[in-house]
Amino acid sequence: MLSLALVVVSNLPERSEAVNGSSLITSVSLLLEIARCRIACSLAVLLLFGSFCGIAECDDPPPVKTPQRSGLPSADQSNSARPPDRAEIEYQIVTLSQKAVALAAQDDIEGALVVQRELVSSLEDLPDAANWRLVNCRARNEQAFLTELQQVSKLSAQDRVAYLVARQRLADGCNQMVREEYESAERLFSMALEILAPLLGDNSPSVAGTLEQLGLSYLMRKEPAKAKEFFVRAVAARKAISGEDHPDYSNALKLMGGACLEAKDFDQADVFFRDAMDRDRKLFGARSPRYADGLLKLARVLVVKERWPEAEALCLQGISIVQHAQGASSMAVVPYLRNFADINIRYEEYEAAEANLRRCIAIYERTLPPGHVGTAEVRDRRAWVLQKMNGADEAKVMETRAEPFRKQLR
């Protein structure tokens, strides 16, 4: 639902024969895609760290040991020599995480601290030498939440209750963001921040997440200057909490880049997106979808700046990665195809542009519900291309199909 709600809804560009940055790639489309990724990540973090969904504790009694005949090792003795299995540790981590969430929700902060310490220790034992950087990032996230719990444990009973209320407002605000109720979400995030920031300071996971979501709510309401105020604080908080070599920090940089792009500060957007992209490459590799997402965002800035050859090269690299990872018919391919179409238009390659836009529509129609507004912009753009190709009749058909959806976007 989240991906369908946010990935394809955008404002229609001005219909014009002039090919320029603002009419080719709407920055709002970029911001909505950033929203999809960031909200999904934030909701996952909330579920992991304390969305207070009432998960039951694991209070199963210890297994009864079967007496062993003398001379034979017990099951425990035979297993003790076996190296820890990754799947077993992963299961233990998930179980501990759920238990820490449940204890915190019940205001048993001391109990949650004990479980969270065990969780951090389990992560340190996780056998994953091939991805040690990501394991280290994961451990830093859990350690940051442990530090937050330690802060909360020192609060008064009244302040603890306030903390729980603020975390619930943060979770409720994220749900409002999913529903695209941005004004309501903004109010909830503001109320959460008013409680959390004085209690914990900016450099805590809950406050950093609230700053990002509050900035995002302003961004969705097309107030980029206000959004940047919160994103600046969020970038500083993520750097202090997790360090610069962490996915959370690169996510914060992308949010800043999106705000700069919406504010038409293209040079600054370029700087933030390049920085985030380079960090993702070091963490995830040059063939990862996350790195490809950075290529896409930077390509959009370059299109706006009319640096066409560089934008095309980035798109070619990005779509190769995404198609290999997710398939040629994935929704993740659509933004690249739309960029290619706009680059084709710049070079008056209208047949290639029409083919790319037609492929976008086909993916949308296979993936989205019938009549979804997400296809309106692409249909409108394709109609314009068909007119340039002297296909007036087909362009008129496309215009007719797009009009009902276009009205919903106004």
Protein backbone atom coordinates (compact mmCIF):
# COMPACT_ATOMS: atom_id res chain seq x y z
CA MET A 1 0.00 0.00 0.00
CA LEU A 2 2.78 2.38 0.90
CA SER A 3 4.65 1.96 -2.36
CA LEU A 4 1.48 2.35 -4.38
CA ALA A 5 0.44 5.42 -2.46
CA LEU A 6 3.70 7.33 -2.75
CA VAL A 7 5.86 6.17 -5.60
CA VAL A 8 3.76 7.39 -8.51
CA VAL A 9 1.62 10.30 -7.32
CA SER A 10 3.00 13.64 -8.54
CA ASN A 11 1.92 16.96 -9.97
CA LEU A 12 1.52 17.24 -13.70
CA PRO A 13 4.19 19.22 -15.53
CA GLU A 14 3.30 22.24 -17.59
CA ARG A 15 2.42 21.31 -21.16
CA SER A 16 5.01 23.06 -23.24
CA GLU A 17 7.08 22.43 -26.30
CA ALA A 18 10.08 23.95 -24.59
CA VAL A 19 12.27 21.27 -23.07
CA ASN A 20 13.61 22.47 -19.75
CA GLY A 21 14.38 21.09 -16.31
CA SER A 22 11.18 22.09 -14.57
CA SER A 23 8.91 20.63 -17.24
CA LEU A 24 10.91 17.44 -17.71
CA ILE A 25 11.40 16.10 -14.21
CA THR A 26 9.17 17.28 -11.41
CA SER A 27 11.06 17.50 -8.16
CA VAL A 28 7.89 16.47 -6.37
CA SER A 29 8.16 13.05 -8.00
CA LEU A 30 11.62 12.68 -6.55
CA LEU A 31 10.49 13.75 -3.14
CA LEU A 32 7.63 11.27 -3.15
CA GLU A 33 10.02 8.46 -3.96
CA ILE A 34 12.30 9.60 -1.15
CA ALA A 35 9.21 9.65 1.06
CA ARG A 36 8.37 6.07 0.14
CA CYS A 37 11.85 4.82 1.01
CA ARG A 38 12.31 6.90 4.13
CA ILE A 39 8.85 6.31 5.58
CA ALA A 40 9.23 2.57 5.01
CA CYS A 41 12.59 2.60 6.80
CA SER A 42 11.23 4.75 9.62
CA LEU A 43 8.23 2.52 10.16
CA ALA A 44 10.50 -0.51 10.28
CA VAL A 45 12.66 1.22 12.88
CA LEU A 46 9.58 2.14 14.89
CA LEU A 47 8.39 -1.45 14.89
CA LEU A 48 11.83 -2.65 15.89
CA PHE A 49 12.59 -0.02 18.54
CA GLY A 50 9.30 0.77 20.17
CA SER A 51 6.11 1.34 18.24
CA PHE A 52 4.41 -0.25 21.23
CA CYS A 53 2.28 -2.68 19.31
CA GLY A 54 1.77 -4.94 22.31
CA ILE A 55 4.00 -7.85 21.35
CA ALA A 56 3.82 -10.58 23.98
CA GLU A 57 6.87 -11.47 25.99
CA CYS A 58 8.60 -14.78 25.47
CA ASP A 59 8.01 -16.53 28.78
CA ASP A 60 8.23 -20.14 27.64
CA PRO A 61 9.48 -22.46 30.39
CA PRO A 62 12.94 -23.96 29.93
CA PRO A 63 12.97 -27.31 28.16
CA VAL A 64 13.04 -30.42 30.34
CA LYS A 65 16.32 -32.23 30.03
CA THR A 66 16.12 -35.96 29.32
CA PRO A 67 18.42 -38.02 31.50
CA GLN A 68 21.35 -39.44 29.55
CA ARG A 69 23.00 -42.81 30.03
CA SER A 70 26.50 -42.63 31.36
CA GLY A 71 29.15 -42.53 28.70
CA LEU A 72 27.04 -40.55 26.22
CA PRO A 73 27.29 -36.75 26.01
CA SER A 74 24.12 -34.80 26.66
CA ALA A 75 22.50 -32.81 23.86
CA ASP A 76 23.72 -29.60 25.49
CA GLN A 77 27.26 -30.95 25.69
CA SER A 78 27.29 -32.06 22.06
CA ASN A 79 25.89 -28.75 20.86
CA SER A 80 28.31 -26.68 22.90
CA ALA A 81 31.15 -27.64 20.62
CA ARG A 82 29.20 -26.58 17.54
CA PRO A 83 29.85 -23.02 16.32
CA PRO A 84 26.85 -20.70 16.61
CA ASP A 85 24.48 -20.91 13.67
CA ARG A 86 23.56 -17.63 11.97
CA ALA A 87 19.88 -18.52 11.69
CA GLU A 88 19.71 -19.34 15.40
CA ILE A 89 21.31 -16.04 16.35
CA GLU A 90 19.02 -14.12 13.97
CA TYR A 91 16.00 -15.77 15.61
CA GLN A 92 17.35 -14.89 19.02
CA ILE A 93 17.88 -11.26 17.93
CA VAL A 94 14.31 -10.95 16.67
CA THR A 95 12.95 -12.53 19.87
CA LEU A 96 15.00 -10.20 22.06
CA SER A 97 13.96 -7.18 20.02
CA GLN A 98 10.28 -8.06 20.43
CA LYS A 99 10.71 -8.57 24.13
CA ALA A 100 12.52 -5.26 24.59
CA VAL A 101 9.70 -3.49 22.74
CA ALA A 102 7.05 -5.13 24.90
CA LEU A 103 8.84 -4.30 28.14
CA ALA A 104 9.39 -0.69 27.15
CA ALA A 105 5.72 -0.36 26.18
CA GLN A 106 4.78 -1.59 29.65
CA ASP A 107 7.09 1.05 31.19
CA ASP A 108 9.43 -1.69 32.42
CA ILE A 109 12.50 0.23 31.30
CA GLU A 110 14.84 -1.70 33.59
CA GLY A 111 13.66 -5.00 32.10
CA ALA A 112 13.97 -3.58 28.58
CA LEU A 113 17.54 -2.50 29.37
CA VAL A 114 18.51 -6.05 30.39
CA VAL A 115 17.04 -7.50 27.19
CA GLN A 116 18.54 -4.78 24.99
CA ARG A 117 22.01 -5.41 26.43
CA GLU A 118 21.62 -9.09 25.58
CA LEU A 119 20.51 -8.11 22.07
CA VAL A 120 23.61 -5.96 21.53
CA SER A 121 25.78 -8.82 22.75
CA SER A 122 24.05 -11.23 20.32
CA LEU A 123 24.75 -8.90 17.41
CA GLU A 124 28.43 -8.84 18.32
CA ASP A 125 28.42 -12.65 18.02
CA LEU A 126 26.68 -12.68 14.63
CA PRO A 127 28.90 -14.58 12.15
CA ASP A 128 28.92 -12.49 8.99
CA ALA A 129 32.45 -11.60 8.00
CA ALA A 130 31.41 -10.88 4.40
CA ASN A 131 29.09 -8.05 5.49
CA TRP A 132 30.85 -6.90 8.62
CA ARG A 133 30.19 -3.23 7.80
CA LEU A 134 26.43 -3.76 7.75
CA VAL A 135 26.54 -5.91 10.88
CA ASN A 136 28.48 -3.13 12.56
CA CYS A 137 25.86 -0.59 11.43
CA ARG A 138 23.11 -2.77 12.83
CA ALA A 139 24.94 -3.09 16.13
CA ARG A 140 25.35 0.68 16.34
CA ASN A 141 21.59 1.12 15.88
CA GLU A 142 20.86 -1.24 18.74
CA GLN A 143 23.54 0.38 20.91
CA ALA A 144 21.99 3.80 20.22
CA PHE A 145 18.60 2.56 21.39
CA LEU A 146 20.24 1.02 24.45
CA THR A 147 21.71 4.44 25.24
CA GLU A 148 18.27 5.98 24.81
CA LEU A 149 16.75 3.45 27.22
CA GLN A 150 19.47 4.28 29.72
CA GLN A 151 18.48 7.94 29.48
CA VAL A 152 14.82 7.08 29.95
CA SER A 153 15.62 4.91 32.99
CA LYS A 154 16.90 8.01 34.77
CA LEU A 155 13.73 10.03 34.14
CA SER A 156 10.98 10.56 36.67
CA ALA A 157 7.84 8.41 36.46
CA GLN A 158 5.95 11.34 34.95
CA ASP A 159 8.59 11.92 32.28
CA ARG A 160 8.63 8.22 31.43
CA VAL A 161 4.92 8.36 30.72
CA ALA A 162 5.51 11.44 28.57
CA TYR A 163 8.19 9.53 26.63
CA LEU A 164 5.78 6.69 25.90
CA VAL A 165 3.09 9.13 24.79
CA ALA A 166 5.55 10.88 22.47
CA ARG A 167 6.66 7.60 20.91
CA GLN A 168 3.04 6.69 20.26
CA ARG A 169 2.47 10.07 18.58
CA LEU A 170 5.51 9.43 16.42
CA ALA A 171 4.10 6.07 15.35
CA ASP A 172 0.64 7.58 14.73
CA GLY A 173 2.21 10.35 12.65
CA CYS A 174 3.94 7.79 10.45
CA ASN A 175 0.59 6.10 9.87
CA GLN A 176 -0.84 9.47 8.82
CA MET A 177 2.04 9.92 6.38
CA VAL A 178 1.18 6.59 4.78
CA ARG A 179 -2.37 7.88 4.31
CA GLU A 180 -0.95 11.13 2.84
CA GLU A 181 -2.55 13.12 5.66
CA TYR A 182 0.48 15.37 5.90
CA GLU A 183 -1.00 18.20 7.94
CA SER A 184 -2.28 15.79 10.59
CA ALA A 185 1.07 13.98 10.60
CA GLU A 186 2.88 17.28 11.05
CA ARG A 187 0.85 18.06 14.18
CA LEU A 188 1.60 14.65 15.68
CA PHE A 189 5.32 14.89 14.93
CA SER A 190 5.46 18.41 16.38
CA MET A 191 3.82 17.25 19.60
CA ALA A 192 6.23 14.30 19.81
CA LEU A 193 9.24 16.54 19.25
CA GLU A 194 8.09 19.01 21.91
CA ILE A 195 8.27 16.16 24.44
CA LEU A 196 11.24 14.14 23.21
CA ALA A 197 13.79 16.88 22.47
CA PRO A 198 13.80 18.36 26.01
CA LEU A 199 13.87 14.88 27.57
CA LEU A 200 16.57 13.28 25.39
CA GLY A 201 18.27 15.94 23.28
CA ASP A 202 18.65 15.77 19.51
CA ASN A 203 21.22 12.96 19.55
CA SER A 204 18.86 10.09 20.27
CA PRO A 205 17.16 7.72 17.80
CA SER A 206 13.63 8.84 18.69
CA VAL A 207 14.38 12.54 18.26
CA ALA A 208 16.38 12.04 15.06
CA GLY A 209 13.53 10.02 13.55
CA THR A 210 10.99 12.64 14.60
CA LEU A 211 13.07 15.44 13.04
CA GLU A 212 13.22 13.54 9.75
CA GLN A 213 9.52 12.79 9.68
CA LEU A 214 8.58 16.33 10.61
CA GLY A 215 10.80 17.71 7.85
CA LEU A 216 9.30 15.23 5.43
CA SER A 217 5.76 16.29 6.32
CA TYR A 218 6.67 19.90 5.47
CA LEU A 219 8.33 18.74 2.28
CA MET A 220 5.18 16.95 1.17
CA ARG A 221 3.26 20.15 1.83
CA LYS A 222 5.70 22.00 -0.43
CA GLU A 223 7.41 23.99 2.28
CA PRO A 224 11.05 23.07 1.55
CA ALA A 225 12.58 25.95 3.54
CA LYS A 226 10.81 24.77 6.69
CA ALA A 227 11.70 21.15 5.92
CA LYS A 228 15.39 22.03 5.65
CA GLU A 229 15.38 23.41 9.21
CA PHE A 230 14.54 19.97 10.55
CA PHE A 231 16.71 18.06 8.10
CA VAL A 232 19.77 20.09 9.12
CA ARG A 233 19.21 18.99 12.71
CA ALA A 234 18.55 15.41 11.59
CA VAL A 235 21.80 15.21 9.60
CA ALA A 236 23.77 16.41 12.63
CA ALA A 237 21.92 13.97 14.89
CA ARG A 238 22.52 10.97 12.63
CA LYS A 239 26.19 11.84 12.39
CA ALA A 240 26.50 11.99 16.18
CA ILE A 241 24.43 8.84 16.79
CA SER A 242 25.72 6.46 14.12
CA GLY A 243 28.67 8.11 12.38
CA GLU A 244 29.16 9.10 8.77
CA ASP A 245 29.69 5.51 7.57
CA HIS A 246 26.11 4.46 8.30
CA PRO A 247 22.97 4.11 6.11
CA ASP A 248 20.99 6.37 8.44
CA TYR A 249 23.42 9.20 7.77
CA SER A 250 23.22 8.78 3.99
CA ASN A 251 19.40 8.69 4.27
CA ALA A 252 19.50 12.02 6.07
CA LEU A 253 21.71 13.45 3.32
CA LYS A 254 19.17 12.31 0.70
CA LEU A 255 16.38 14.07 2.55
CA MET A 256 18.44 17.27 2.56
CA GLY A 257 19.09 16.82 -1.14
CA GLY A 258 15.38 16.42 -1.80
CA ALA A 259 14.58 19.61 0.13
CA CYS A 260 17.26 21.52 -1.79
CA LEU A 261 15.89 20.24 -5.09
CA GLU A 262 12.35 21.30 -4.20
CA ALA A 263 13.72 24.71 -3.17
CA LYS A 264 15.44 24.91 -6.59
CA ASP A 265 18.87 25.00 -4.98
CA PHE A 266 20.20 22.56 -7.55
CA ASP A 267 23.90 22.91 -6.77
CA GLN A 268 23.34 22.03 -3.11
CA ALA A 269 21.08 19.13 -4.10
CA ASP A 270 23.90 17.89 -6.33
CA VAL A 271 26.35 17.99 -3.41
CA PHE A 272 24.09 16.14 -0.96
CA PHE A 273 23.06 13.43 -3.43
CA ARG A 274 26.65 12.78 -4.51
CA ASP A 275 27.77 12.52 -0.91
CA ALA A 276 24.99 10.06 -0.05
CA MET A 277 25.60 8.03 -3.20
CA ASP A 278 29.32 7.66 -2.48
CA ARG A 279 28.61 6.49 1.06
CA ASP A 280 26.05 3.94 -0.14
CA ARG A 281 28.55 2.58 -2.61
CA LYS A 282 31.10 1.98 0.14
CA LEU A 283 28.52 0.27 2.33
CA PHE A 284 26.46 -1.71 -0.19
CA GLY A 285 28.61 -1.94 -3.32
CA ALA A 286 28.36 -0.56 -6.84
CA ARG A 287 25.77 -3.14 -7.95
CA SER A 288 23.27 -2.61 -5.15
CA PRO A 289 19.76 -1.18 -5.73
CA ARG A 290 20.47 1.36 -3.02
CA TYR A 291 23.43 2.72 -4.96
CA ALA A 292 21.29 2.71 -8.11
CA ASP A 293 18.71 4.84 -6.28
CA GLY A 294 21.46 7.39 -5.66
CA LEU A 295 22.33 7.36 -9.35
CA LEU A 296 18.69 8.07 -10.18
CA LYS A 297 18.39 11.00 -7.78
CA LEU A 298 21.60 12.57 -9.00
CA ALA A 299 20.54 12.03 -12.63
CA ARG A 300 17.36 14.01 -11.98
CA VAL A 301 19.36 16.92 -10.67
CA LEU A 302 21.60 16.78 -13.73
CA VAL A 303 18.57 16.77 -16.02
CA VAL A 304 17.27 19.90 -14.30
CA LYS A 305 20.72 21.45 -14.76
CA GLU A 306 20.63 20.34 -18.43
CA ARG A 307 23.76 18.24 -18.12
CA TRP A 308 22.30 15.65 -20.46
CA PRO A 309 25.22 13.30 -21.29
CA GLU A 310 26.14 12.81 -17.64
CA ALA A 311 22.50 12.28 -16.69
CA GLU A 312 22.11 9.67 -19.42
CA ALA A 313 25.23 7.80 -18.32
CA LEU A 314 23.97 7.64 -14.73
CA CYS A 315 20.55 6.40 -15.89
CA LEU A 316 22.12 3.67 -18.00
CA GLN A 317 24.21 2.49 -15.06
CA GLY A 318 21.28 2.64 -12.64
CA ILE A 319 18.74 0.82 -14.79
CA SER A 320 21.23 -1.97 -15.47
CA ILE A 321 21.57 -2.54 -11.72
CA VAL A 322 17.83 -2.38 -11.02
CA GLN A 323 16.80 -4.65 -13.89
CA HIS A 324 19.34 -7.24 -12.81
CA ALA A 325 18.21 -7.10 -9.18
CA GLN A 326 14.44 -6.71 -9.55
CA GLY A 327 13.54 -7.54 -13.15
CA ALA A 328 12.73 -5.49 -16.22
CA SER A 329 9.03 -5.19 -15.30
CA SER A 330 9.56 -3.94 -11.76
CA MET A 331 8.05 -0.66 -10.63
CA ALA A 332 11.59 0.33 -9.65
CA VAL A 333 12.44 0.58 -13.36
CA VAL A 334 9.80 3.25 -14.08
CA PRO A 335 11.70 6.34 -12.80
CA TYR A 336 14.69 5.44 -14.96
CA LEU A 337 12.48 5.01 -18.03
CA ARG A 338 10.91 8.39 -17.42
CA ASN A 339 14.32 9.99 -17.14
CA PHE A 340 15.35 8.30 -20.38
CA ALA A 341 12.19 9.59 -22.06
CA ASP A 342 12.98 13.16 -21.07
CA ILE A 343 16.55 12.80 -22.27
CA ASN A 344 15.22 11.36 -25.55
CA ILE A 345 12.96 14.40 -25.89
CA ARG A 346 15.89 16.73 -25.36
CA TYR A 347 17.62 15.12 -28.35
CA GLU A 348 14.34 14.98 -30.34
CA GLU A 349 14.38 11.18 -30.26
CA TYR A 350 10.61 11.04 -30.05
CA GLU A 351 10.18 7.40 -31.06
CA ALA A 352 12.53 6.28 -28.29
CA ALA A 353 10.78 8.58 -25.82
CA GLU A 354 7.37 7.20 -26.79
CA ALA A 355 8.61 3.62 -26.38
CA ASN A 356 9.96 4.33 -22.90
CA LEU A 357 6.76 6.06 -21.81
CA ARG A 358 4.63 3.25 -23.26
CA ARG A 359 6.69 0.78 -21.24
CA CYS A 360 6.09 2.87 -18.10
CA ILE A 361 2.33 2.78 -18.70
CA ALA A 362 2.40 -0.99 -19.22
CA ILE A 363 4.19 -1.50 -15.89
CA TYR A 364 1.80 0.87 -14.12
CA GLU A 365 -1.26 -0.89 -15.53
CA ARG A 366 0.08 -4.31 -14.48
CA THR A 367 1.02 -3.14 -11.02
CA LEU A 368 -1.44 -0.47 -9.93
CA PRO A 369 -5.21 -0.77 -9.43
CA PRO A 370 -7.38 0.10 -12.46
CA GLY A 371 -7.86 3.83 -12.81
CA HIS A 372 -5.02 4.75 -10.49
CA VAL A 373 -3.99 8.41 -10.78
CA GLY A 374 -0.33 7.45 -11.03
CA THR A 375 -0.54 6.82 -14.76
CA ALA A 376 -2.01 10.25 -15.60
CA GLU A 377 1.27 12.15 -15.83
CA VAL A 378 2.93 9.52 -17.99
CA ARG A 379 -0.08 9.33 -20.30
CA ASP A 380 -0.10 13.11 -20.58
CA ARG A 381 3.58 13.17 -21.44
CA ARG A 382 3.18 10.42 -24.01
CA ALA A 383 0.31 12.31 -25.64
CA TRP A 384 2.59 15.30 -26.04
CA VAL A 385 5.29 13.08 -27.61
CA LEU A 386 2.75 11.55 -29.99
CA GLN A 387 1.75 15.01 -31.14
CA LYS A 388 5.39 15.76 -31.89
CA MET A 389 5.47 12.54 -33.91
CA ASN A 390 2.38 13.71 -35.88
CA GLY A 391 0.26 10.99 -34.33
CA ALA A 392 -2.61 13.35 -33.58
CA ASP A 393 -5.32 10.69 -33.47
CA GLU A 394 -3.52 8.49 -30.98
CA ALA A 395 -2.49 11.54 -28.97
CA LYS A 396 -6.13 12.55 -28.70
CA VAL A 397 -7.00 9.08 -27.35
CA MET A 398 -4.25 9.38 -24.76
CA GLU A 399 -5.50 12.85 -23.77
CA THR A 400 -9.01 11.48 -23.28
CA ARG A 401 -7.80 8.62 -21.11
CA ALA A 402 -5.60 10.88 -18.99
CA GLU A 403 -8.11 13.68 -18.34
CA PRO A 404 -10.19 12.00 -15.59
CA PHE A 405 -7.05 11.14 -13.65
CA ARG A 406 -5.51 14.57 -14.23
CA LYS A 407 -8.52 16.19 -12.55
CA GLN A 408 -7.86 14.13 -9.42
CA LEU A 409 -4.33 15.52 -9.23
CA ARG A 410 -5.36 19.17 -9.42
